[in-house]
Every structure is written in structure tokens, then in C-alpha cells.
Amino acid sequence: MDLSHDKIPWPDNYFQIVVGWCILPHLENPFHCIREIYRVLDKGGLFIFSAPHLTSKPAIDYFVKHKDFGSYRATNNHLILFAPAIIKKSILKYFDLLEVNYSAVRPKIFQIKKGGLKAKLRELIYWLAEKYFPSFKKWLGYRWAYDAIYIVQKRKGEAV
């Protein structure tokens, strides 16, 4: 099925959880898909999805250097930018935000060849944060991660 245009073939309020891992930015019309997910989710149901984290330090550094978004290069098949304001206007129109996690802190941020001592210090700081300071690890994830994972909930008082 084409998630950009087709109706999802399940009845209204059918699912408790829908997961969209790296799907929305690839769609020609992700806003149709968002409305369909809203329709098939039961009241209080969860929608968990991921999108490139456009405000991470690596993403911003890439943009400053290349005047483009790294996750949206011509060789990549991402189509739609999901900046925080777009998520707020398109997804949080239907759902309540429960949590945002930042994943995929890629190993290249720790590569000695590219970053030297700075890369080794990053690795040590990340390891210490992971072991002893979970809230600091979350901040480092926000700063360095390539992907953001959103957990949103269909408002309980609403039905399709």
C-alpha cells in the first residue's frame, strides 16, 4: 500500500500501538499517513516513530559546512524535513507528546583519526554518563544523536 495516499486497511480505533520506524520522512505525503495512524489508533494508543534529528550538533555542523541537511542528500531517499516545529504542527495536533529519545550516537563521533584527543574525551565522557549520569547521557544524546524517537499518545477523550 502507499502510505502517502491509501487508507490503512484496518477499522477506526483498532490498535493500541503503531510504530513507524524511519517511515515518515520517506513519504511523499506523510501528513495523510499521520491522519490514518490517528484514525486506526484507539483512544490513549501510542504512536512511536523516528525521524532524523536535525538540531543535533553533527546535523548543524554538516548544514553549516555544506548548506544542506546530511540526512537529505541527493543519494538519500528522505523527502520531508521533520523539524521540531513541523512535528508540533502536524503530529502534536492529534497527539500528546510523552517523550523524545535520541538514539544512534554514531561511533564516528568517537573516531580518533578524525577527532584525535577530542574524540577520545567524547568517548570517555559518554561512557561515564552512560554508567553514572543518565540525565547527562540524555543531553549528550540530544547533542550528538542522528535520530530522534518520539513517543506520542492519542488523546483519550477523542475518537475518530
N, C-alpha and C. Protein backbone atom coordinates (compact mmCIF):
# COMPACT_ATOMS: atom_id res chain seq x y z
N MET A 1 0.84 -1.18 0.00
CA MET A 1 0.00 0.00 0.00
C MET A 1 0.88 1.24 0.00
N ASP A 2 0.36 2.31 -0.46
CA ASP A 2 1.06 3.60 -0.49
C ASP A 2 0.60 4.41 0.72
N LEU A 3 1.44 4.53 1.73
CA LEU A 3 1.07 5.23 2.96
C LEU A 3 0.85 6.72 2.75
N SER A 4 1.31 7.24 1.62
CA SER A 4 1.10 8.65 1.32
C SER A 4 -0.32 8.95 0.86
N HIS A 5 -1.02 7.90 0.36
CA HIS A 5 -2.32 8.16 -0.26
C HIS A 5 -3.43 7.17 0.12
N ASP A 6 -3.07 5.93 0.41
CA ASP A 6 -4.08 4.89 0.64
C ASP A 6 -4.59 4.90 2.08
N LYS A 7 -5.78 4.40 2.23
CA LYS A 7 -6.36 4.22 3.56
C LYS A 7 -5.74 2.97 4.17
N ILE A 8 -5.31 3.05 5.42
CA ILE A 8 -4.78 1.87 6.10
C ILE A 8 -5.94 0.89 6.28
N PRO A 9 -5.76 -0.38 5.88
CA PRO A 9 -6.89 -1.32 5.83
C PRO A 9 -7.30 -1.93 7.17
N TRP A 10 -7.46 -1.12 8.19
CA TRP A 10 -7.98 -1.56 9.47
C TRP A 10 -9.04 -0.57 9.93
N PRO A 11 -9.94 -1.01 10.76
CA PRO A 11 -11.02 -0.12 11.21
C PRO A 11 -10.52 0.96 12.18
N ASP A 12 -11.36 1.95 12.41
CA ASP A 12 -11.08 3.02 13.36
C ASP A 12 -10.83 2.44 14.75
N ASN A 13 -9.93 3.08 15.49
CA ASN A 13 -9.66 2.75 16.90
C ASN A 13 -9.28 1.28 17.10
N TYR A 14 -8.54 0.70 16.19
CA TYR A 14 -8.24 -0.73 16.19
C TYR A 14 -6.98 -1.09 17.00
N PHE A 15 -5.94 -0.27 16.91
CA PHE A 15 -4.65 -0.62 17.50
C PHE A 15 -4.39 0.16 18.79
N GLN A 16 -3.61 -0.45 19.67
CA GLN A 16 -3.13 0.23 20.88
C GLN A 16 -1.78 0.90 20.62
N ILE A 17 -0.99 0.35 19.71
CA ILE A 17 0.34 0.89 19.40
C ILE A 17 0.58 0.80 17.90
N VAL A 18 1.13 1.87 17.34
CA VAL A 18 1.60 1.88 15.96
C VAL A 18 3.05 2.37 16.01
N VAL A 19 3.93 1.65 15.31
CA VAL A 19 5.33 2.01 15.26
C VAL A 19 5.68 2.38 13.83
N GLY A 20 6.29 3.53 13.66
CA GLY A 20 6.73 3.99 12.34
C GLY A 20 8.21 4.31 12.37
N TRP A 21 9.02 3.27 12.24
CA TRP A 21 10.46 3.45 12.34
C TRP A 21 11.01 3.93 11.01
N CYS A 22 11.50 5.15 10.98
CA CYS A 22 12.12 5.75 9.78
C CYS A 22 11.19 5.68 8.57
N ILE A 23 9.93 6.00 8.76
CA ILE A 23 8.98 5.95 7.65
C ILE A 23 8.56 7.35 7.21
N LEU A 24 8.12 8.18 8.13
CA LEU A 24 7.50 9.46 7.76
C LEU A 24 8.37 10.34 6.86
N PRO A 25 9.67 10.51 7.13
CA PRO A 25 10.47 11.39 6.25
C PRO A 25 10.62 10.87 4.83
N HIS A 26 10.32 9.59 4.61
CA HIS A 26 10.45 8.99 3.28
C HIS A 26 9.19 9.13 2.44
N LEU A 27 8.11 9.55 3.05
CA LEU A 27 6.83 9.60 2.34
C LEU A 27 6.64 10.91 1.58
N GLU A 28 6.01 10.81 0.44
CA GLU A 28 5.66 11.99 -0.35
C GLU A 28 4.62 12.84 0.39
N ASN A 29 3.70 12.17 1.08
CA ASN A 29 2.66 12.87 1.84
C ASN A 29 2.54 12.24 3.23
N PRO A 30 3.48 12.54 4.13
CA PRO A 30 3.42 11.93 5.45
C PRO A 30 2.23 12.40 6.28
N PHE A 31 1.66 13.53 5.91
CA PHE A 31 0.55 14.09 6.70
C PHE A 31 -0.72 13.24 6.56
N HIS A 32 -0.91 12.64 5.38
CA HIS A 32 -2.01 11.68 5.20
C HIS A 32 -1.77 10.47 6.10
N CYS A 33 -0.55 9.97 6.12
CA CYS A 33 -0.21 8.81 6.93
C CYS A 33 -0.45 9.11 8.42
N ILE A 34 -0.07 10.28 8.87
CA ILE A 34 -0.27 10.68 10.27
C ILE A 34 -1.76 10.65 10.62
N ARG A 35 -2.59 11.19 9.73
CA ARG A 35 -4.05 11.18 9.97
C ARG A 35 -4.60 9.76 9.99
N GLU A 36 -4.08 8.90 9.14
CA GLU A 36 -4.52 7.50 9.12
C GLU A 36 -4.09 6.77 10.39
N ILE A 37 -2.89 7.02 10.85
CA ILE A 37 -2.43 6.40 12.09
C ILE A 37 -3.32 6.87 13.24
N TYR A 38 -3.63 8.14 13.26
CA TYR A 38 -4.54 8.68 14.28
C TYR A 38 -5.89 7.94 14.22
N ARG A 39 -6.38 7.70 13.01
CA ARG A 39 -7.68 7.05 12.84
C ARG A 39 -7.67 5.63 13.38
N VAL A 40 -6.61 4.86 13.07
CA VAL A 40 -6.60 3.44 13.46
C VAL A 40 -6.16 3.21 14.90
N LEU A 41 -5.63 4.23 15.56
CA LEU A 41 -5.24 4.09 16.96
C LEU A 41 -6.45 4.28 17.87
N ASP A 42 -6.54 3.45 18.88
CA ASP A 42 -7.59 3.59 19.88
C ASP A 42 -7.27 4.79 20.78
N LYS A 43 -8.27 5.29 21.48
CA LYS A 43 -8.06 6.39 22.42
C LYS A 43 -6.99 5.99 23.43
N GLY A 44 -6.03 6.85 23.63
CA GLY A 44 -4.92 6.55 24.54
C GLY A 44 -3.83 5.70 23.92
N GLY A 45 -3.99 5.32 22.63
CA GLY A 45 -2.99 4.50 21.94
C GLY A 45 -1.70 5.26 21.69
N LEU A 46 -0.62 4.51 21.55
CA LEU A 46 0.70 5.11 21.36
C LEU A 46 1.14 5.04 19.90
N PHE A 47 1.77 6.10 19.46
CA PHE A 47 2.44 6.14 18.15
C PHE A 47 3.90 6.43 18.44
N ILE A 48 4.76 5.49 18.07
CA ILE A 48 6.21 5.63 18.27
C ILE A 48 6.84 5.72 16.89
N PHE A 49 7.58 6.80 16.66
CA PHE A 49 8.19 6.99 15.35
C PHE A 49 9.54 7.66 15.49
N SER A 50 10.33 7.55 14.44
CA SER A 50 11.64 8.17 14.44
C SER A 50 11.78 9.06 13.21
N ALA A 51 12.69 10.02 13.34
CA ALA A 51 13.00 10.94 12.24
C ALA A 51 14.43 11.44 12.46
N PRO A 52 15.10 11.86 11.40
CA PRO A 52 16.44 12.43 11.59
C PRO A 52 16.39 13.60 12.58
N HIS A 53 17.38 13.64 13.44
CA HIS A 53 17.47 14.69 14.47
C HIS A 53 18.21 15.89 13.86
N LEU A 54 17.45 16.82 13.34
CA LEU A 54 18.02 17.95 12.57
C LEU A 54 18.73 18.99 13.43
N THR A 55 18.50 18.98 14.74
CA THR A 55 19.13 20.01 15.57
C THR A 55 20.29 19.46 16.41
N SER A 56 20.79 18.28 16.06
CA SER A 56 21.98 17.75 16.75
C SER A 56 23.21 18.51 16.26
N LYS A 57 24.27 18.46 17.03
CA LYS A 57 25.50 19.15 16.63
C LYS A 57 26.04 18.63 15.29
N PRO A 58 26.12 17.30 15.08
CA PRO A 58 26.60 16.83 13.76
C PRO A 58 25.72 17.32 12.61
N ALA A 59 24.39 17.36 12.81
CA ALA A 59 23.50 17.82 11.73
C ALA A 59 23.71 19.31 11.45
N ILE A 60 23.85 20.10 12.50
CA ILE A 60 24.06 21.54 12.32
C ILE A 60 25.43 21.80 11.70
N ASP A 61 26.46 21.09 12.17
CA ASP A 61 27.80 21.25 11.59
C ASP A 61 27.79 20.91 10.10
N TYR A 62 27.11 19.83 9.74
CA TYR A 62 27.01 19.44 8.32
C TYR A 62 26.31 20.54 7.52
N PHE A 63 25.22 21.06 8.07
CA PHE A 63 24.47 22.11 7.37
C PHE A 63 25.34 23.36 7.17
N VAL A 64 26.06 23.76 8.19
CA VAL A 64 26.92 24.96 8.08
C VAL A 64 27.99 24.74 7.01
N LYS A 65 28.57 23.56 6.99
CA LYS A 65 29.65 23.27 6.04
C LYS A 65 29.15 23.10 4.60
N HIS A 66 28.01 22.41 4.42
CA HIS A 66 27.54 22.03 3.08
C HIS A 66 26.30 22.78 2.61
N LYS A 67 25.71 23.58 3.48
CA LYS A 67 24.47 24.31 3.16
C LYS A 67 23.35 23.37 2.74
N ASP A 68 23.31 22.23 3.39
CA ASP A 68 22.28 21.23 3.13
C ASP A 68 22.20 20.31 4.35
N PHE A 69 21.16 19.50 4.42
CA PHE A 69 21.00 18.56 5.50
C PHE A 69 21.61 17.22 5.11
N GLY A 70 22.48 16.70 5.95
CA GLY A 70 23.16 15.44 5.65
C GLY A 70 22.23 14.28 5.43
N SER A 71 21.16 14.21 6.20
CA SER A 71 20.20 13.11 6.07
C SER A 71 19.33 13.25 4.81
N TYR A 72 19.46 14.34 4.12
CA TYR A 72 18.61 14.61 2.95
C TYR A 72 19.44 14.83 1.68
N ARG A 73 20.65 14.27 1.65
CA ARG A 73 21.49 14.37 0.46
C ARG A 73 20.78 13.75 -0.75
N ALA A 74 21.23 14.09 -1.91
CA ALA A 74 20.62 13.56 -3.14
C ALA A 74 20.71 12.04 -3.20
N THR A 75 21.69 11.46 -2.53
CA THR A 75 21.85 10.00 -2.54
C THR A 75 20.98 9.31 -1.49
N ASN A 76 20.25 10.08 -0.70
CA ASN A 76 19.40 9.53 0.35
C ASN A 76 17.94 9.69 -0.08
N ASN A 77 17.06 8.86 0.43
CA ASN A 77 15.67 8.95 -0.01
C ASN A 77 14.74 9.60 1.02
N HIS A 78 15.29 10.41 1.93
CA HIS A 78 14.42 11.22 2.79
C HIS A 78 13.84 12.35 1.96
N LEU A 79 12.56 12.65 2.16
CA LEU A 79 11.89 13.69 1.38
C LEU A 79 11.44 14.88 2.22
N ILE A 80 10.87 14.63 3.37
CA ILE A 80 10.24 15.68 4.18
C ILE A 80 11.05 15.91 5.45
N LEU A 81 11.35 17.18 5.72
CA LEU A 81 12.05 17.54 6.95
C LEU A 81 11.06 17.54 8.11
N PHE A 82 11.44 16.89 9.19
CA PHE A 82 10.62 16.91 10.40
C PHE A 82 11.37 17.69 11.48
N ALA A 83 11.40 18.99 11.30
CA ALA A 83 11.96 19.87 12.31
C ALA A 83 10.99 19.91 13.49
N PRO A 84 11.45 20.32 14.67
CA PRO A 84 10.55 20.34 15.84
C PRO A 84 9.24 21.10 15.59
N ALA A 85 9.27 22.22 14.89
CA ALA A 85 8.03 22.97 14.64
C ALA A 85 7.08 22.21 13.72
N ILE A 86 7.61 21.46 12.77
CA ILE A 86 6.77 20.66 11.87
C ILE A 86 6.10 19.54 12.67
N ILE A 87 6.84 18.92 13.56
CA ILE A 87 6.26 17.87 14.41
C ILE A 87 5.14 18.46 15.26
N LYS A 88 5.39 19.62 15.81
CA LYS A 88 4.38 20.27 16.65
C LYS A 88 3.11 20.56 15.85
N LYS A 89 3.27 21.10 14.65
CA LYS A 89 2.10 21.49 13.85
C LYS A 89 1.39 20.31 13.19
N SER A 90 2.11 19.24 12.87
CA SER A 90 1.48 18.15 12.12
C SER A 90 1.12 16.96 12.98
N ILE A 91 1.93 16.61 13.96
CA ILE A 91 1.68 15.42 14.76
C ILE A 91 1.05 15.76 16.10
N LEU A 92 1.58 16.78 16.75
CA LEU A 92 1.05 17.13 18.07
C LEU A 92 -0.30 17.83 17.98
N LYS A 93 -0.76 18.02 16.76
CA LYS A 93 -2.12 18.49 16.53
C LYS A 93 -3.12 17.39 16.92
N TYR A 94 -2.69 16.13 16.80
CA TYR A 94 -3.54 14.97 17.07
C TYR A 94 -3.14 14.19 18.32
N PHE A 95 -1.90 14.36 18.75
CA PHE A 95 -1.33 13.53 19.81
C PHE A 95 -0.70 14.40 20.89
N ASP A 96 -0.56 13.81 22.08
CA ASP A 96 0.20 14.43 23.16
C ASP A 96 1.60 13.83 23.17
N LEU A 97 2.60 14.68 23.31
CA LEU A 97 3.98 14.22 23.37
C LEU A 97 4.26 13.64 24.75
N LEU A 98 4.69 12.39 24.79
CA LEU A 98 5.05 11.76 26.05
C LEU A 98 6.56 11.82 26.30
N GLU A 99 7.32 11.59 25.24
CA GLU A 99 8.77 11.54 25.42
C GLU A 99 9.47 11.64 24.07
N VAL A 100 10.69 12.18 24.10
CA VAL A 100 11.58 12.16 22.94
C VAL A 100 12.89 11.56 23.42
N ASN A 101 13.35 10.55 22.71
CA ASN A 101 14.65 9.95 22.99
C ASN A 101 15.54 10.19 21.79
N TYR A 102 16.81 10.24 22.03
CA TYR A 102 17.77 10.49 20.96
C TYR A 102 18.68 9.27 20.89
N SER A 103 18.68 8.65 19.73
CA SER A 103 19.44 7.42 19.56
C SER A 103 20.46 7.59 18.45
N ALA A 104 21.17 6.53 18.25
CA ALA A 104 22.14 6.46 17.16
C ALA A 104 23.23 7.51 17.31
N VAL A 105 23.85 7.54 18.50
CA VAL A 105 25.09 8.30 18.62
C VAL A 105 26.11 7.44 17.90
N ARG A 106 26.46 7.85 16.71
CA ARG A 106 27.26 7.01 15.83
C ARG A 106 28.72 6.96 16.26
N PRO A 107 29.35 5.81 16.09
CA PRO A 107 30.74 5.64 16.52
C PRO A 107 31.71 6.64 15.90
N LYS A 108 31.40 7.19 14.73
CA LYS A 108 32.36 8.10 14.10
C LYS A 108 32.60 9.36 14.93
N ILE A 109 31.70 9.70 15.84
CA ILE A 109 31.91 10.86 16.70
C ILE A 109 33.07 10.58 17.68
N PHE A 110 33.41 9.29 17.84
CA PHE A 110 34.49 8.90 18.74
C PHE A 110 35.77 8.48 17.99
N GLN A 111 35.81 8.64 16.67
CA GLN A 111 36.96 8.18 15.89
C GLN A 111 38.19 9.05 16.17
N ILE A 112 39.26 8.39 16.54
CA ILE A 112 40.50 9.10 16.86
C ILE A 112 41.09 9.75 15.62
N LYS A 113 41.03 9.08 14.50
CA LYS A 113 41.62 9.58 13.26
C LYS A 113 41.10 10.97 12.91
N LYS A 114 39.79 11.16 13.03
CA LYS A 114 39.18 12.45 12.69
C LYS A 114 39.26 13.46 13.82
N GLY A 115 39.10 13.00 15.07
CA GLY A 115 38.96 13.94 16.17
C GLY A 115 40.10 13.96 17.17
N GLY A 116 41.05 13.03 17.07
CA GLY A 116 42.17 12.99 17.98
C GLY A 116 41.76 12.90 19.44
N LEU A 117 42.40 13.71 20.26
CA LEU A 117 42.14 13.72 21.69
C LEU A 117 40.68 14.07 21.99
N LYS A 118 40.13 14.98 21.21
CA LYS A 118 38.73 15.38 21.40
C LYS A 118 37.80 14.17 21.29
N ALA A 119 38.06 13.30 20.32
CA ALA A 119 37.22 12.11 20.13
C ALA A 119 37.37 11.15 21.31
N LYS A 120 38.59 10.99 21.83
CA LYS A 120 38.81 10.12 22.97
C LYS A 120 38.11 10.67 24.21
N LEU A 121 38.16 11.99 24.40
CA LEU A 121 37.46 12.61 25.53
C LEU A 121 35.95 12.43 25.41
N ARG A 122 35.42 12.57 24.19
CA ARG A 122 33.98 12.34 23.97
C ARG A 122 33.59 10.93 24.38
N GLU A 123 34.43 9.97 23.97
CA GLU A 123 34.14 8.57 24.28
C GLU A 123 34.13 8.34 25.79
N LEU A 124 35.11 8.90 26.49
CA LEU A 124 35.18 8.76 27.93
C LEU A 124 33.98 9.42 28.61
N ILE A 125 33.65 10.62 28.19
CA ILE A 125 32.52 11.35 28.78
C ILE A 125 31.21 10.58 28.55
N TYR A 126 31.04 10.05 27.34
CA TYR A 126 29.82 9.31 27.03
C TYR A 126 29.74 8.04 27.88
N TRP A 127 30.86 7.35 28.03
CA TRP A 127 30.89 6.13 28.84
C TRP A 127 30.54 6.46 30.29
N LEU A 128 31.15 7.51 30.86
CA LEU A 128 30.87 7.91 32.25
C LEU A 128 29.40 8.30 32.41
N ALA A 129 28.89 9.05 31.44
CA ALA A 129 27.48 9.46 31.51
C ALA A 129 26.55 8.26 31.46
N GLU A 130 26.87 7.32 30.58
CA GLU A 130 26.05 6.12 30.44
C GLU A 130 26.04 5.31 31.75
N LYS A 131 27.18 5.26 32.40
CA LYS A 131 27.33 4.45 33.61
C LYS A 131 26.79 5.15 34.87
N TYR A 132 27.01 6.46 34.98
CA TYR A 132 26.74 7.14 36.25
C TYR A 132 25.74 8.30 36.19
N PHE A 133 25.52 8.87 35.03
CA PHE A 133 24.72 10.09 34.94
C PHE A 133 23.70 10.01 33.80
N PRO A 134 22.60 9.26 33.99
CA PRO A 134 21.63 9.06 32.90
C PRO A 134 21.06 10.35 32.32
N SER A 135 20.82 11.36 33.15
CA SER A 135 20.24 12.59 32.60
C SER A 135 21.27 13.33 31.72
N PHE A 136 22.53 13.25 32.11
CA PHE A 136 23.58 13.85 31.28
C PHE A 136 23.74 13.07 29.98
N LYS A 137 23.60 11.73 30.06
CA LYS A 137 23.67 10.90 28.84
C LYS A 137 22.55 11.30 27.88
N LYS A 138 21.37 11.59 28.43
CA LYS A 138 20.26 12.02 27.58
C LYS A 138 20.60 13.33 26.88
N TRP A 139 21.22 14.27 27.59
CA TRP A 139 21.62 15.53 26.98
C TRP A 139 22.67 15.30 25.90
N LEU A 140 23.64 14.41 26.17
CA LEU A 140 24.65 14.09 25.15
C LEU A 140 23.99 13.47 23.93
N GLY A 141 22.99 12.61 24.17
CA GLY A 141 22.24 12.03 23.05
C GLY A 141 21.58 13.12 22.22
N TYR A 142 20.96 14.09 22.91
CA TYR A 142 20.35 15.21 22.18
C TYR A 142 21.40 15.94 21.35
N ARG A 143 22.56 16.12 21.90
CA ARG A 143 23.61 16.88 21.22
C ARG A 143 24.22 16.10 20.05
N TRP A 144 24.43 14.80 20.21
CA TRP A 144 25.20 14.03 19.24
C TRP A 144 24.40 13.07 18.38
N ALA A 145 23.18 12.76 18.72
CA ALA A 145 22.43 11.70 18.03
C ALA A 145 22.01 12.11 16.62
N TYR A 146 21.85 11.12 15.79
CA TYR A 146 21.40 11.34 14.42
C TYR A 146 19.90 11.17 14.27
N ASP A 147 19.28 10.45 15.20
CA ASP A 147 17.85 10.19 15.09
C ASP A 147 17.15 10.58 16.39
N ALA A 148 15.91 11.04 16.24
CA ALA A 148 15.05 11.32 17.39
C ALA A 148 13.91 10.32 17.33
N ILE A 149 13.57 9.77 18.50
CA ILE A 149 12.48 8.81 18.62
C ILE A 149 11.40 9.47 19.46
N TYR A 150 10.23 9.61 18.88
CA TYR A 150 9.11 10.28 19.54
C TYR A 150 8.10 9.24 20.01
N ILE A 151 7.61 9.44 21.22
CA ILE A 151 6.52 8.61 21.73
C ILE A 151 5.38 9.57 22.01
N VAL A 152 4.30 9.39 21.25
CA VAL A 152 3.14 10.27 21.39
C VAL A 152 1.91 9.42 21.66
N GLN A 153 0.90 10.05 22.24
CA GLN A 153 -0.31 9.33 22.64
C GLN A 153 -1.54 10.03 22.10
N LYS A 154 -2.44 9.23 21.51
CA LYS A 154 -3.72 9.76 21.07
C LYS A 154 -4.50 10.20 22.30
N ARG A 155 -5.01 11.39 22.24
CA ARG A 155 -5.75 11.92 23.39
C ARG A 155 -6.92 11.00 23.73
N LYS A 156 -7.08 10.70 25.01
CA LYS A 156 -8.06 9.70 25.45
C LYS A 156 -9.50 10.13 25.22
N GLY A 157 -9.78 11.40 25.24
CA GLY A 157 -11.16 11.86 25.09
C GLY A 157 -11.59 11.97 23.64
N GLU A 158 -10.67 11.70 22.70
CA GLU A 158 -11.00 11.90 21.29
C GLU A 158 -11.22 10.56 20.59
N ALA A 159 -12.13 10.56 19.70
CA ALA A 159 -12.35 9.41 18.83
C ALA A 159 -12.38 9.94 17.39
N VAL A 160 -12.26 9.02 16.47
CA VAL A 160 -12.26 9.43 15.06
C VAL A 160 -13.62 9.93 14.64
